[in-house]
Amino acid sequence: MDGPLTRAGWLVRWFVRPFAGQEPSFYRAVTACLLAAGLFWQMNALNKTYTTRLDFPLHWHYDSAHYVPLRPLPPTVAVMVTGPGWRLLRANLGWGTHPADLRPVPNPGTRYLPDETWRRGLQNALEGLQVNEWSGDTLRLTFDRYVTRRLPLALPPDSARRYRARFTPAVVSFRGPATLVQALPNPYPVRLLRDDAEATEVPIVPPARIRASVKSVSAKVTRR
């Protein structure tokens, strides 16, 4: 009795036999026919309607001179869209598409992007596709207002017990998100690089997201 492998070999030989001994032009014609059939099938498939998930790029517009996001704004958003296969393929490959323009109102306390804002921006960018839903958790927003605060400088308590210091300049401006700048201590502590009583240059190292008006100050230090 013939086994499965024997029957499989017989089928392969039966399929290949008509092609044996043919001229090279015959094989080129067969290859061309197979490619044309594959292309036709692909074009027919791309003309159908599908629903898929896209990670679509975003372009944020807001008053960056006066407001700052307290956490990075997402560069993309996950959306479920429905449309023709051709249009979905172009969107996936980034052909003929541009990022969605989103324009949040960056008031302190803003926690999300209103429905009409994100939907209008996405629908304009995804022309020809229907936006079904989006991953709203990725578009939670936290903005704060930029502020500037001038603070006098002083030695931290552990150094102040042993030294006196006169800084030049004696007052430094700090700029950043209001909630962070208002939390800075007054006076602002400046730590000596060396534990001695010599005149020295001392760096000003503000917390992350805050910028100081100077990078360092001169300190005239004397012992108590």
N, C-alpha and C. Protein backbone atom coordinates (compact mmCIF):
# COMPACT_ATOMS: atom_id res chain seq x y z
N MET A 1 0.86 -1.19 0.00
CA MET A 1 0.00 0.00 0.00
C MET A 1 0.89 1.24 0.00
N ASP A 2 0.52 2.18 -0.84
CA ASP A 2 1.29 3.41 -0.91
C ASP A 2 1.09 4.22 0.37
N GLY A 3 2.20 4.77 0.90
CA GLY A 3 2.13 5.63 2.07
C GLY A 3 1.86 7.08 1.67
N PRO A 4 1.66 7.95 2.66
CA PRO A 4 1.40 9.38 2.38
C PRO A 4 2.52 10.03 1.59
N LEU A 5 3.78 9.70 1.92
CA LEU A 5 4.90 10.31 1.20
C LEU A 5 4.93 9.87 -0.26
N THR A 6 4.58 8.61 -0.50
CA THR A 6 4.56 8.11 -1.89
C THR A 6 3.49 8.84 -2.70
N ARG A 7 2.31 8.97 -2.10
CA ARG A 7 1.23 9.67 -2.82
C ARG A 7 1.59 11.13 -3.06
N ALA A 8 2.24 11.76 -2.07
CA ALA A 8 2.63 13.16 -2.24
C ALA A 8 3.65 13.30 -3.37
N GLY A 9 4.62 12.38 -3.42
CA GLY A 9 5.60 12.42 -4.50
C GLY A 9 4.96 12.24 -5.86
N TRP A 10 3.98 11.34 -5.93
CA TRP A 10 3.28 11.11 -7.20
C TRP A 10 2.55 12.37 -7.66
N LEU A 11 1.92 13.07 -6.72
CA LEU A 11 1.19 14.30 -7.06
C LEU A 11 2.15 15.38 -7.55
N VAL A 12 3.31 15.49 -6.91
CA VAL A 12 4.29 16.49 -7.34
C VAL A 12 4.76 16.18 -8.75
N ARG A 13 5.08 14.91 -9.02
CA ARG A 13 5.53 14.55 -10.37
C ARG A 13 4.44 14.78 -11.40
N TRP A 14 3.19 14.50 -11.02
CA TRP A 14 2.07 14.73 -11.95
C TRP A 14 1.93 16.21 -12.28
N PHE A 15 2.18 17.07 -11.28
CA PHE A 15 2.03 18.51 -11.50
C PHE A 15 3.19 19.07 -12.32
N VAL A 16 4.41 18.55 -12.08
CA VAL A 16 5.60 19.11 -12.71
C VAL A 16 5.80 18.58 -14.13
N ARG A 17 5.28 17.35 -14.43
CA ARG A 17 5.55 16.69 -15.71
C ARG A 17 5.24 17.57 -16.92
N PRO A 18 4.10 18.30 -16.96
CA PRO A 18 3.83 19.10 -18.17
C PRO A 18 4.84 20.21 -18.41
N PHE A 19 5.57 20.62 -17.34
CA PHE A 19 6.50 21.74 -17.50
C PHE A 19 7.91 21.28 -17.85
N ALA A 20 8.16 20.00 -17.79
CA ALA A 20 9.50 19.48 -18.05
C ALA A 20 9.85 19.60 -19.52
N GLY A 21 11.09 20.00 -19.80
CA GLY A 21 11.59 20.04 -21.17
C GLY A 21 11.09 21.19 -22.01
N GLN A 22 10.45 22.17 -21.42
CA GLN A 22 9.92 23.31 -22.18
C GLN A 22 11.04 24.32 -22.46
N GLU A 23 10.79 25.20 -23.43
CA GLU A 23 11.72 26.25 -23.77
C GLU A 23 11.73 27.32 -22.66
N PRO A 24 12.87 28.08 -22.52
CA PRO A 24 12.91 29.14 -21.50
C PRO A 24 11.78 30.16 -21.62
N SER A 25 11.37 30.43 -22.87
CA SER A 25 10.29 31.41 -23.06
C SER A 25 9.00 30.94 -22.40
N PHE A 26 8.81 29.63 -22.36
CA PHE A 26 7.61 29.08 -21.73
C PHE A 26 7.60 29.40 -20.24
N TYR A 27 8.76 29.23 -19.58
CA TYR A 27 8.83 29.51 -18.14
C TYR A 27 8.66 31.00 -17.85
N ARG A 28 9.18 31.83 -18.76
CA ARG A 28 8.99 33.28 -18.57
C ARG A 28 7.52 33.65 -18.68
N ALA A 29 6.83 33.01 -19.61
CA ALA A 29 5.40 33.29 -19.78
C ALA A 29 4.60 32.84 -18.57
N VAL A 30 4.94 31.64 -18.04
CA VAL A 30 4.25 31.14 -16.85
C VAL A 30 4.48 32.07 -15.67
N THR A 31 5.74 32.51 -15.50
CA THR A 31 6.06 33.43 -14.40
C THR A 31 5.29 34.73 -14.53
N ALA A 32 5.22 35.27 -15.75
CA ALA A 32 4.49 36.52 -15.97
C ALA A 32 3.00 36.35 -15.64
N CYS A 33 2.45 35.20 -16.02
CA CYS A 33 1.03 34.94 -15.74
C CYS A 33 0.78 34.87 -14.23
N LEU A 34 1.70 34.20 -13.51
CA LEU A 34 1.54 34.10 -12.06
C LEU A 34 1.65 35.46 -11.39
N LEU A 35 2.60 36.29 -11.84
CA LEU A 35 2.74 37.63 -11.27
C LEU A 35 1.50 38.48 -11.55
N ALA A 36 0.98 38.38 -12.79
CA ALA A 36 -0.22 39.15 -13.13
C ALA A 36 -1.41 38.71 -12.29
N ALA A 37 -1.54 37.38 -12.08
CA ALA A 37 -2.65 36.89 -11.26
C ALA A 37 -2.52 37.38 -9.82
N GLY A 38 -1.26 37.35 -9.30
CA GLY A 38 -1.05 37.84 -7.93
C GLY A 38 -1.35 39.31 -7.80
N LEU A 39 -0.94 40.11 -8.80
CA LEU A 39 -1.20 41.54 -8.78
C LEU A 39 -2.69 41.82 -8.86
N PHE A 40 -3.39 41.10 -9.72
CA PHE A 40 -4.84 41.28 -9.84
C PHE A 40 -5.53 40.95 -8.52
N TRP A 41 -5.11 39.86 -7.88
CA TRP A 41 -5.72 39.47 -6.60
C TRP A 41 -5.47 40.54 -5.55
N GLN A 42 -4.23 41.09 -5.53
CA GLN A 42 -3.90 42.11 -4.53
C GLN A 42 -4.72 43.38 -4.76
N MET A 43 -4.85 43.81 -6.01
CA MET A 43 -5.63 45.01 -6.32
C MET A 43 -7.08 44.81 -5.95
N ASN A 44 -7.61 43.62 -6.21
CA ASN A 44 -9.00 43.34 -5.86
C ASN A 44 -9.20 43.37 -4.35
N ALA A 45 -8.21 42.85 -3.60
CA ALA A 45 -8.31 42.84 -2.13
C ALA A 45 -8.24 44.26 -1.58
N LEU A 46 -7.40 45.11 -2.17
CA LEU A 46 -7.24 46.48 -1.66
C LEU A 46 -8.45 47.35 -1.97
N ASN A 47 -9.31 46.93 -2.87
CA ASN A 47 -10.51 47.70 -3.16
C ASN A 47 -11.63 47.44 -2.15
N LYS A 48 -11.46 46.46 -1.28
CA LYS A 48 -12.47 46.15 -0.27
C LYS A 48 -12.31 47.06 0.95
N THR A 49 -13.31 47.05 1.81
CA THR A 49 -13.30 47.89 3.01
C THR A 49 -12.87 47.07 4.22
N TYR A 50 -11.99 47.68 5.02
CA TYR A 50 -11.46 47.00 6.20
C TYR A 50 -11.50 47.94 7.39
N THR A 51 -11.38 47.35 8.57
CA THR A 51 -11.22 48.10 9.82
C THR A 51 -9.92 47.65 10.46
N THR A 52 -9.09 48.63 10.83
CA THR A 52 -7.78 48.29 11.40
C THR A 52 -7.36 49.35 12.40
N ARG A 53 -6.26 49.07 13.09
CA ARG A 53 -5.71 49.99 14.10
C ARG A 53 -4.49 50.70 13.51
N LEU A 54 -4.43 52.02 13.70
CA LEU A 54 -3.30 52.82 13.25
C LEU A 54 -2.70 53.56 14.43
N ASP A 55 -1.37 53.67 14.46
CA ASP A 55 -0.69 54.58 15.37
C ASP A 55 -0.39 55.84 14.57
N PHE A 56 -1.28 56.84 14.72
CA PHE A 56 -1.22 57.99 13.84
C PHE A 56 -0.44 59.13 14.49
N PRO A 57 0.45 59.81 13.72
CA PRO A 57 1.26 60.90 14.29
C PRO A 57 0.42 62.14 14.59
N LEU A 58 0.86 62.89 15.60
CA LEU A 58 0.16 64.09 16.05
C LEU A 58 1.09 65.30 15.97
N HIS A 59 0.51 66.46 15.69
CA HIS A 59 1.25 67.72 15.71
C HIS A 59 0.49 68.67 16.64
N TRP A 60 1.15 69.04 17.76
CA TRP A 60 0.49 69.84 18.79
C TRP A 60 0.73 71.33 18.56
N HIS A 61 -0.33 72.13 18.72
CA HIS A 61 -0.25 73.59 18.61
C HIS A 61 -0.82 74.19 19.90
N TYR A 62 0.02 74.95 20.60
CA TYR A 62 -0.46 75.65 21.80
C TYR A 62 0.48 76.82 22.10
N ASP A 63 0.12 77.67 23.03
CA ASP A 63 0.90 78.84 23.37
C ASP A 63 2.10 78.43 24.22
N SER A 64 3.17 77.99 23.53
CA SER A 64 4.34 77.48 24.24
C SER A 64 5.17 78.57 24.90
N ALA A 65 4.88 79.84 24.59
CA ALA A 65 5.61 80.93 25.25
C ALA A 65 5.12 81.15 26.66
N HIS A 66 3.88 80.77 26.96
CA HIS A 66 3.31 81.04 28.27
C HIS A 66 2.89 79.79 29.03
N TYR A 67 2.82 78.64 28.31
CA TYR A 67 2.37 77.41 28.97
C TYR A 67 3.34 76.28 28.67
N VAL A 68 3.37 75.31 29.57
CA VAL A 68 4.27 74.17 29.43
C VAL A 68 3.54 72.90 29.85
N PRO A 69 3.64 71.82 29.07
CA PRO A 69 3.06 70.54 29.52
C PRO A 69 3.92 69.93 30.62
N LEU A 70 3.28 69.46 31.68
CA LEU A 70 4.02 68.88 32.79
C LEU A 70 4.47 67.46 32.51
N ARG A 71 3.95 66.85 31.46
CA ARG A 71 4.47 65.57 31.00
C ARG A 71 4.47 65.61 29.48
N PRO A 72 5.38 64.86 28.84
CA PRO A 72 5.50 64.95 27.38
C PRO A 72 4.18 64.67 26.67
N LEU A 73 3.90 65.48 25.66
CA LEU A 73 2.72 65.24 24.84
C LEU A 73 2.98 64.04 23.92
N PRO A 74 2.01 63.14 23.80
CA PRO A 74 2.25 61.92 22.99
C PRO A 74 2.47 62.26 21.52
N PRO A 75 3.46 61.63 20.87
CA PRO A 75 3.71 61.90 19.45
C PRO A 75 2.73 61.18 18.52
N THR A 76 2.06 60.13 19.02
CA THR A 76 1.10 59.37 18.21
C THR A 76 -0.11 59.01 19.07
N VAL A 77 -1.18 58.62 18.40
CA VAL A 77 -2.36 58.13 19.10
C VAL A 77 -2.87 56.89 18.37
N ALA A 78 -3.32 55.91 19.13
CA ALA A 78 -3.87 54.68 18.54
C ALA A 78 -5.33 54.90 18.20
N VAL A 79 -5.70 54.69 16.93
CA VAL A 79 -7.07 54.89 16.48
C VAL A 79 -7.53 53.67 15.69
N MET A 80 -8.82 53.36 15.79
CA MET A 80 -9.45 52.35 14.95
C MET A 80 -10.15 53.07 13.81
N VAL A 81 -9.81 52.70 12.58
CA VAL A 81 -10.37 53.37 11.41
C VAL A 81 -10.92 52.34 10.44
N THR A 82 -11.88 52.79 9.62
CA THR A 82 -12.49 51.95 8.59
C THR A 82 -12.37 52.67 7.25
N GLY A 83 -11.99 51.92 6.21
CA GLY A 83 -11.88 52.53 4.90
C GLY A 83 -11.38 51.55 3.87
N PRO A 84 -11.20 51.99 2.63
CA PRO A 84 -10.70 51.12 1.56
C PRO A 84 -9.28 50.65 1.86
N GLY A 85 -8.96 49.46 1.38
CA GLY A 85 -7.63 48.92 1.62
C GLY A 85 -6.52 49.79 1.09
N TRP A 86 -6.73 50.42 -0.08
CA TRP A 86 -5.71 51.30 -0.64
C TRP A 86 -5.41 52.45 0.32
N ARG A 87 -6.46 53.05 0.87
CA ARG A 87 -6.27 54.20 1.75
C ARG A 87 -5.62 53.78 3.06
N LEU A 88 -5.99 52.62 3.56
CA LEU A 88 -5.37 52.13 4.80
C LEU A 88 -3.89 51.82 4.59
N LEU A 89 -3.55 51.26 3.41
CA LEU A 89 -2.15 50.97 3.12
C LEU A 89 -1.34 52.26 3.07
N ARG A 90 -1.87 53.29 2.43
CA ARG A 90 -1.16 54.57 2.35
C ARG A 90 -0.98 55.18 3.73
N ALA A 91 -2.01 55.08 4.58
CA ALA A 91 -1.90 55.64 5.92
C ALA A 91 -0.86 54.89 6.75
N ASN A 92 -0.81 53.57 6.59
CA ASN A 92 0.18 52.77 7.33
C ASN A 92 1.59 53.10 6.90
N LEU A 93 1.79 53.36 5.62
CA LEU A 93 3.12 53.65 5.09
C LEU A 93 3.46 55.13 5.15
N GLY A 94 2.48 55.99 5.51
CA GLY A 94 2.74 57.42 5.58
C GLY A 94 2.78 58.10 4.24
N TRP A 95 2.17 57.49 3.20
CA TRP A 95 2.16 58.09 1.87
C TRP A 95 0.99 59.05 1.73
N GLY A 96 1.29 60.30 1.43
CA GLY A 96 0.23 61.28 1.18
C GLY A 96 -0.57 61.65 2.43
N THR A 97 -0.02 61.38 3.62
CA THR A 97 -0.71 61.76 4.85
C THR A 97 0.15 62.74 5.62
N HIS A 98 -0.46 63.46 6.53
CA HIS A 98 0.26 64.40 7.39
C HIS A 98 -0.24 64.24 8.81
N PRO A 99 0.55 64.63 9.81
CA PRO A 99 0.10 64.47 11.20
C PRO A 99 -1.20 65.23 11.46
N ALA A 100 -1.95 64.72 12.42
CA ALA A 100 -3.19 65.39 12.83
C ALA A 100 -2.85 66.61 13.66
N ASP A 101 -3.38 67.77 13.30
CA ASP A 101 -3.16 69.01 14.04
C ASP A 101 -4.13 69.07 15.21
N LEU A 102 -3.59 69.08 16.42
CA LEU A 102 -4.40 69.17 17.63
C LEU A 102 -4.08 70.48 18.34
N ARG A 103 -5.12 71.19 18.76
CA ARG A 103 -4.95 72.52 19.35
C ARG A 103 -5.64 72.57 20.72
N PRO A 104 -4.96 72.06 21.73
CA PRO A 104 -5.55 72.11 23.08
C PRO A 104 -5.53 73.54 23.63
N VAL A 105 -6.45 73.81 24.54
CA VAL A 105 -6.44 75.06 25.29
C VAL A 105 -5.63 74.80 26.56
N PRO A 106 -4.39 75.32 26.64
CA PRO A 106 -3.47 74.88 27.70
C PRO A 106 -3.68 75.59 29.04
N ASN A 107 -4.92 75.64 29.52
CA ASN A 107 -5.16 76.24 30.83
C ASN A 107 -4.67 75.31 31.93
N PRO A 108 -4.07 75.87 32.99
CA PRO A 108 -3.70 75.01 34.12
C PRO A 108 -4.90 74.24 34.63
N GLY A 109 -4.72 72.96 34.83
CA GLY A 109 -5.82 72.11 35.28
C GLY A 109 -6.45 71.31 34.17
N THR A 110 -6.10 71.61 32.90
CA THR A 110 -6.62 70.82 31.78
C THR A 110 -6.15 69.37 31.92
N ARG A 111 -7.08 68.43 31.83
CA ARG A 111 -6.73 67.03 32.04
C ARG A 111 -7.01 66.14 30.83
N TYR A 112 -7.68 66.69 29.82
CA TYR A 112 -8.00 65.86 28.66
C TYR A 112 -8.26 66.77 27.47
N LEU A 113 -8.27 66.16 26.30
CA LEU A 113 -8.55 66.89 25.07
C LEU A 113 -10.02 66.69 24.71
N PRO A 114 -10.81 67.77 24.59
CA PRO A 114 -12.24 67.62 24.28
C PRO A 114 -12.47 66.80 23.03
N ASP A 115 -13.58 66.08 23.03
CA ASP A 115 -13.92 65.16 21.93
C ASP A 115 -13.90 65.86 20.58
N GLU A 116 -14.51 67.06 20.49
CA GLU A 116 -14.60 67.72 19.19
C GLU A 116 -13.22 68.15 18.68
N THR A 117 -12.27 68.40 19.58
CA THR A 117 -10.93 68.84 19.16
C THR A 117 -10.15 67.70 18.53
N TRP A 118 -10.07 66.55 19.23
CA TRP A 118 -9.29 65.45 18.67
C TRP A 118 -9.96 64.84 17.45
N ARG A 119 -11.31 64.75 17.48
CA ARG A 119 -11.99 64.12 16.34
C ARG A 119 -11.85 64.97 15.08
N ARG A 120 -11.95 66.29 15.20
CA ARG A 120 -11.79 67.15 14.03
C ARG A 120 -10.38 67.05 13.47
N GLY A 121 -9.36 67.07 14.35
CA GLY A 121 -7.99 66.98 13.88
C GLY A 121 -7.68 65.66 13.20
N LEU A 122 -8.15 64.56 13.78
CA LEU A 122 -7.88 63.25 13.20
C LEU A 122 -8.64 63.06 11.89
N GLN A 123 -9.91 63.50 11.85
CA GLN A 123 -10.71 63.28 10.65
C GLN A 123 -10.16 64.08 9.47
N ASN A 124 -9.65 65.29 9.75
CA ASN A 124 -9.04 66.09 8.67
C ASN A 124 -7.79 65.41 8.12
N ALA A 125 -6.99 64.84 9.02
CA ALA A 125 -5.75 64.20 8.58
C ALA A 125 -6.02 62.86 7.89
N LEU A 126 -7.01 62.14 8.36
CA LEU A 126 -7.34 60.81 7.82
C LEU A 126 -8.46 60.93 6.78
N GLU A 127 -8.28 61.80 5.83
CA GLU A 127 -9.29 62.00 4.79
C GLU A 127 -9.53 60.70 4.04
N GLY A 128 -10.79 60.34 3.89
CA GLY A 128 -11.13 59.11 3.20
C GLY A 128 -11.30 57.92 4.11
N LEU A 129 -11.01 58.10 5.41
CA LEU A 129 -11.17 57.04 6.39
C LEU A 129 -12.13 57.49 7.48
N GLN A 130 -12.84 56.55 8.06
CA GLN A 130 -13.77 56.83 9.15
C GLN A 130 -13.10 56.49 10.48
N VAL A 131 -13.00 57.49 11.36
CA VAL A 131 -12.43 57.26 12.69
C VAL A 131 -13.51 56.67 13.58
N ASN A 132 -13.29 55.47 14.07
CA ASN A 132 -14.29 54.79 14.91
C ASN A 132 -14.08 55.04 16.39
N GLU A 133 -12.85 54.90 16.86
CA GLU A 133 -12.54 55.12 18.26
C GLU A 133 -11.05 55.41 18.40
N TRP A 134 -10.68 55.90 19.57
CA TRP A 134 -9.30 56.26 19.81
C TRP A 134 -8.93 55.89 21.24
N SER A 135 -7.64 55.82 21.51
CA SER A 135 -7.16 55.47 22.84
C SER A 135 -7.07 56.75 23.67
N GLY A 136 -8.16 57.09 24.32
CA GLY A 136 -8.26 58.36 25.04
C GLY A 136 -7.26 58.51 26.17
N ASP A 137 -6.85 57.40 26.78
CA ASP A 137 -5.92 57.49 27.90
C ASP A 137 -4.59 58.12 27.50
N THR A 138 -4.22 58.02 26.22
CA THR A 138 -2.93 58.55 25.79
C THR A 138 -2.98 60.06 25.59
N LEU A 139 -4.15 60.68 25.62
CA LEU A 139 -4.27 62.11 25.38
C LEU A 139 -4.69 62.87 26.63
N ARG A 140 -4.39 62.33 27.79
CA ARG A 140 -4.59 63.10 29.00
C ARG A 140 -3.50 64.17 29.08
N LEU A 141 -3.90 65.39 29.39
CA LEU A 141 -2.99 66.52 29.34
C LEU A 141 -2.88 67.17 30.71
N THR A 142 -1.70 67.69 31.01
CA THR A 142 -1.50 68.48 32.22
C THR A 142 -0.61 69.66 31.87
N PHE A 143 -1.20 70.84 31.79
CA PHE A 143 -0.46 72.06 31.47
C PHE A 143 -0.29 72.92 32.72
N ASP A 144 0.74 73.74 32.68
CA ASP A 144 0.95 74.73 33.74
C ASP A 144 1.46 76.01 33.09
N ARG A 145 1.28 77.11 33.78
CA ARG A 145 1.73 78.40 33.25
C ARG A 145 3.20 78.63 33.59
N TYR A 146 3.94 79.22 32.65
CA TYR A 146 5.31 79.63 32.93
C TYR A 146 5.29 80.84 33.87
N VAL A 147 6.16 80.82 34.87
CA VAL A 147 6.33 81.98 35.75
C VAL A 147 7.82 82.18 36.01
N THR A 148 8.16 83.39 36.43
CA THR A 148 9.53 83.72 36.82
C THR A 148 9.51 84.23 38.25
N ARG A 149 10.42 83.75 39.04
CA ARG A 149 10.48 84.12 40.46
C ARG A 149 11.92 84.45 40.83
N ARG A 150 12.12 85.61 41.48
CA ARG A 150 13.44 86.03 41.92
C ARG A 150 13.63 85.63 43.38
N LEU A 151 14.76 84.95 43.62
CA LEU A 151 15.01 84.46 44.98
C LEU A 151 16.42 84.85 45.43
N PRO A 152 16.55 85.28 46.69
CA PRO A 152 17.89 85.52 47.24
C PRO A 152 18.59 84.19 47.48
N LEU A 153 19.91 84.24 47.51
CA LEU A 153 20.71 83.04 47.70
C LEU A 153 21.23 82.97 49.13
N ALA A 154 21.43 81.76 49.62
CA ALA A 154 21.95 81.55 50.97
C ALA A 154 22.62 80.20 51.04
N LEU A 155 23.47 80.02 52.03
CA LEU A 155 24.06 78.71 52.27
C LEU A 155 23.03 77.78 52.87
N PRO A 156 23.11 76.48 52.59
CA PRO A 156 22.22 75.53 53.26
C PRO A 156 22.52 75.50 54.76
N PRO A 157 21.56 75.07 55.60
CA PRO A 157 21.73 75.13 57.07
C PRO A 157 23.01 74.51 57.59
N ASP A 158 23.44 73.37 57.04
CA ASP A 158 24.63 72.72 57.58
C ASP A 158 25.88 73.55 57.36
N SER A 159 25.95 74.26 56.19
CA SER A 159 27.10 75.13 55.95
C SER A 159 26.96 76.46 56.66
N ALA A 160 25.73 76.95 56.81
CA ALA A 160 25.51 78.26 57.43
C ALA A 160 25.91 78.27 58.90
N ARG A 161 25.95 77.12 59.54
CA ARG A 161 26.37 77.08 60.94
C ARG A 161 27.86 77.36 61.10
N ARG A 162 28.65 77.18 60.02
CA ARG A 162 30.09 77.37 60.12
C ARG A 162 30.61 78.55 59.31
N TYR A 163 29.84 78.97 58.26
CA TYR A 163 30.34 80.01 57.37
C TYR A 163 29.28 81.09 57.14
N ARG A 164 29.82 82.24 56.73
CA ARG A 164 28.99 83.30 56.17
C ARG A 164 29.38 83.42 54.70
N ALA A 165 28.39 83.78 53.87
CA ALA A 165 28.68 83.89 52.43
C ALA A 165 27.99 85.11 51.85
N ARG A 166 28.72 85.77 50.94
CA ARG A 166 28.15 86.88 50.18
C ARG A 166 28.24 86.49 48.70
N PHE A 167 27.06 86.41 48.06
CA PHE A 167 27.00 85.94 46.68
C PHE A 167 26.87 87.11 45.72
N THR A 168 27.48 86.95 44.55
CA THR A 168 27.37 87.93 43.47
C THR A 168 27.05 87.20 42.18
N PRO A 169 25.84 87.40 41.63
CA PRO A 169 24.74 88.23 42.15
C PRO A 169 24.09 87.59 43.37
N ALA A 170 23.44 88.43 44.18
CA ALA A 170 22.82 87.94 45.42
C ALA A 170 21.43 87.39 45.19
N VAL A 171 20.82 87.76 44.05
CA VAL A 171 19.46 87.31 43.71
C VAL A 171 19.47 86.71 42.32
N VAL A 172 18.82 85.58 42.16
CA VAL A 172 18.77 84.87 40.87
C VAL A 172 17.31 84.63 40.49
N SER A 173 17.02 84.74 39.18
CA SER A 173 15.67 84.48 38.68
C SER A 173 15.55 83.01 38.25
N PHE A 174 14.41 82.42 38.59
CA PHE A 174 14.12 81.04 38.21
C PHE A 174 12.83 81.03 37.39
N ARG A 175 12.86 80.34 36.25
CA ARG A 175 11.69 80.30 35.36
C ARG A 175 11.33 78.85 35.06
N GLY A 176 10.02 78.57 35.12
CA GLY A 176 9.55 77.22 34.84
C GLY A 176 8.08 77.10 35.16
N PRO A 177 7.54 75.88 35.22
CA PRO A 177 6.13 75.69 35.56
C PRO A 177 5.81 76.29 36.94
N ALA A 178 4.66 76.95 37.04
CA ALA A 178 4.32 77.68 38.25
C ALA A 178 4.34 76.79 39.49
N THR A 179 3.78 75.59 39.39
CA THR A 179 3.71 74.73 40.57
C THR A 179 5.10 74.34 41.06
N LEU A 180 6.07 74.21 40.17
CA LEU A 180 7.42 73.85 40.57
C LEU A 180 8.21 75.06 41.07
N VAL A 181 8.05 76.20 40.39
CA VAL A 181 8.78 77.39 40.80
C VAL A 181 8.31 77.89 42.16
N GLN A 182 7.00 77.86 42.39
CA GLN A 182 6.48 78.33 43.67
C GLN A 182 6.90 77.43 44.83
N ALA A 183 7.30 76.20 44.53
CA ALA A 183 7.72 75.28 45.58
C ALA A 183 9.20 75.44 45.95
N LEU A 184 9.95 76.30 45.23
CA LEU A 184 11.36 76.50 45.55
C LEU A 184 11.51 77.19 46.91
N PRO A 185 12.52 76.80 47.67
CA PRO A 185 12.70 77.43 48.99
C PRO A 185 13.18 78.88 48.87
N ASN A 186 12.83 79.68 49.83
CA ASN A 186 13.22 81.09 49.90
C ASN A 186 13.85 81.36 51.28
N PRO A 187 15.17 81.66 51.32
CA PRO A 187 16.11 81.85 50.20
C PRO A 187 16.51 80.53 49.57
N TYR A 188 17.05 80.64 48.34
CA TYR A 188 17.43 79.44 47.61
C TYR A 188 18.80 78.96 48.08
N PRO A 189 18.94 77.72 48.54
CA PRO A 189 20.22 77.25 49.08
C PRO A 189 21.24 76.96 47.98
N VAL A 190 22.46 77.42 48.21
CA VAL A 190 23.56 77.19 47.28
C VAL A 190 24.66 76.47 48.05
N ARG A 191 25.00 75.29 47.63
CA ARG A 191 26.00 74.48 48.34
C ARG A 191 27.40 74.74 47.79
N LEU A 192 28.36 74.91 48.73
CA LEU A 192 29.74 75.14 48.35
C LEU A 192 30.34 73.88 47.74
N LEU A 193 31.23 74.09 46.76
CA LEU A 193 31.91 72.96 46.15
C LEU A 193 32.98 72.39 47.08
N ARG A 194 33.59 73.26 47.87
CA ARG A 194 34.64 72.83 48.79
C ARG A 194 34.29 73.29 50.20
N ASP A 195 34.61 72.49 51.15
CA ASP A 195 34.31 72.81 52.55
C ASP A 195 35.44 73.65 53.13
N ASP A 196 35.55 74.88 52.63
CA ASP A 196 36.55 75.80 53.17
C ASP A 196 36.02 77.22 53.13
N ALA A 197 36.82 78.16 53.54
CA ALA A 197 36.37 79.54 53.66
C ALA A 197 37.07 80.43 52.64
N GLU A 198 37.18 79.99 51.40
CA GLU A 198 37.82 80.77 50.36
C GLU A 198 36.77 81.27 49.37
N ALA A 199 37.12 82.36 48.71
CA ALA A 199 36.25 82.84 47.63
C ALA A 199 36.20 81.78 46.54
N THR A 200 35.03 81.51 46.00
CA THR A 200 34.90 80.43 45.03
C THR A 200 33.74 80.70 44.08
N GLU A 201 33.74 79.99 42.97
CA GLU A 201 32.64 80.03 41.99
C GLU A 201 31.72 78.86 42.28
N VAL A 202 30.43 79.14 42.47
CA VAL A 202 29.48 78.12 42.90
C VAL A 202 28.42 77.94 41.80
N PRO A 203 28.18 76.72 41.32
CA PRO A 203 27.15 76.52 40.29
C PRO A 203 25.74 76.62 40.87
N ILE A 204 24.84 77.11 40.06
CA ILE A 204 23.41 77.13 40.41
C ILE A 204 22.77 75.96 39.68
N VAL A 205 22.28 74.99 40.43
CA VAL A 205 21.70 73.78 39.84
C VAL A 205 20.22 73.71 40.24
N PRO A 206 19.32 74.24 39.41
CA PRO A 206 17.89 74.19 39.74
C PRO A 206 17.32 72.81 39.50
N PRO A 207 16.14 72.53 40.02
CA PRO A 207 15.47 71.25 39.75
C PRO A 207 15.14 71.10 38.27
N ALA A 208 14.84 69.88 37.89
CA ALA A 208 14.47 69.60 36.49
C ALA A 208 13.27 70.45 36.08
N ARG A 209 13.28 70.91 34.81
CA ARG A 209 12.22 71.70 34.19
C ARG A 209 12.23 73.15 34.64
N ILE A 210 13.22 73.56 35.44
CA ILE A 210 13.35 74.95 35.87
C ILE A 210 14.69 75.47 35.37
N ARG A 211 14.69 76.72 34.87
CA ARG A 211 15.90 77.32 34.34
C ARG A 211 16.27 78.53 35.19
N ALA A 212 17.55 78.61 35.58
CA ALA A 212 18.05 79.74 36.35
C ALA A 212 18.62 80.79 35.40
N SER A 213 18.59 82.06 35.82
CA SER A 213 19.07 83.15 34.98
C SER A 213 20.59 83.15 34.83
N VAL A 214 21.31 82.48 35.74
CA VAL A 214 22.77 82.35 35.66
C VAL A 214 23.14 80.90 35.94
N LYS A 215 24.27 80.48 35.42
CA LYS A 215 24.74 79.12 35.66
C LYS A 215 25.57 79.00 36.93
N SER A 216 26.18 80.13 37.35
CA SER A 216 26.99 80.09 38.58
C SER A 216 27.06 81.50 39.16
N VAL A 217 27.47 81.56 40.41
CA VAL A 217 27.65 82.85 41.10
C VAL A 217 28.99 82.83 41.83
N SER A 218 29.51 84.00 42.11
CA SER A 218 30.71 84.12 42.91
C SER A 218 30.33 84.16 44.38
N ALA A 219 31.10 83.49 45.21
CA ALA A 219 30.79 83.43 46.66
C ALA A 219 32.03 83.84 47.44
N LYS A 220 31.87 84.88 48.28
CA LYS A 220 32.91 85.30 49.21
C LYS A 220 32.56 84.69 50.57
N VAL A 221 33.33 83.72 50.99
CA VAL A 221 32.99 82.92 52.17
C VAL A 221 33.96 83.24 53.30
N THR A 222 33.42 83.42 54.51
CA THR A 222 34.23 83.61 55.72
C THR A 222 33.74 82.70 56.81
N ARG A 223 34.66 82.36 57.71
CA ARG A 223 34.26 81.51 58.83
C ARG A 223 33.53 82.36 59.87
N ARG A 224 32.66 81.70 60.59
CA ARG A 224 31.96 82.36 61.70
C ARG A 224 32.88 82.47 62.91
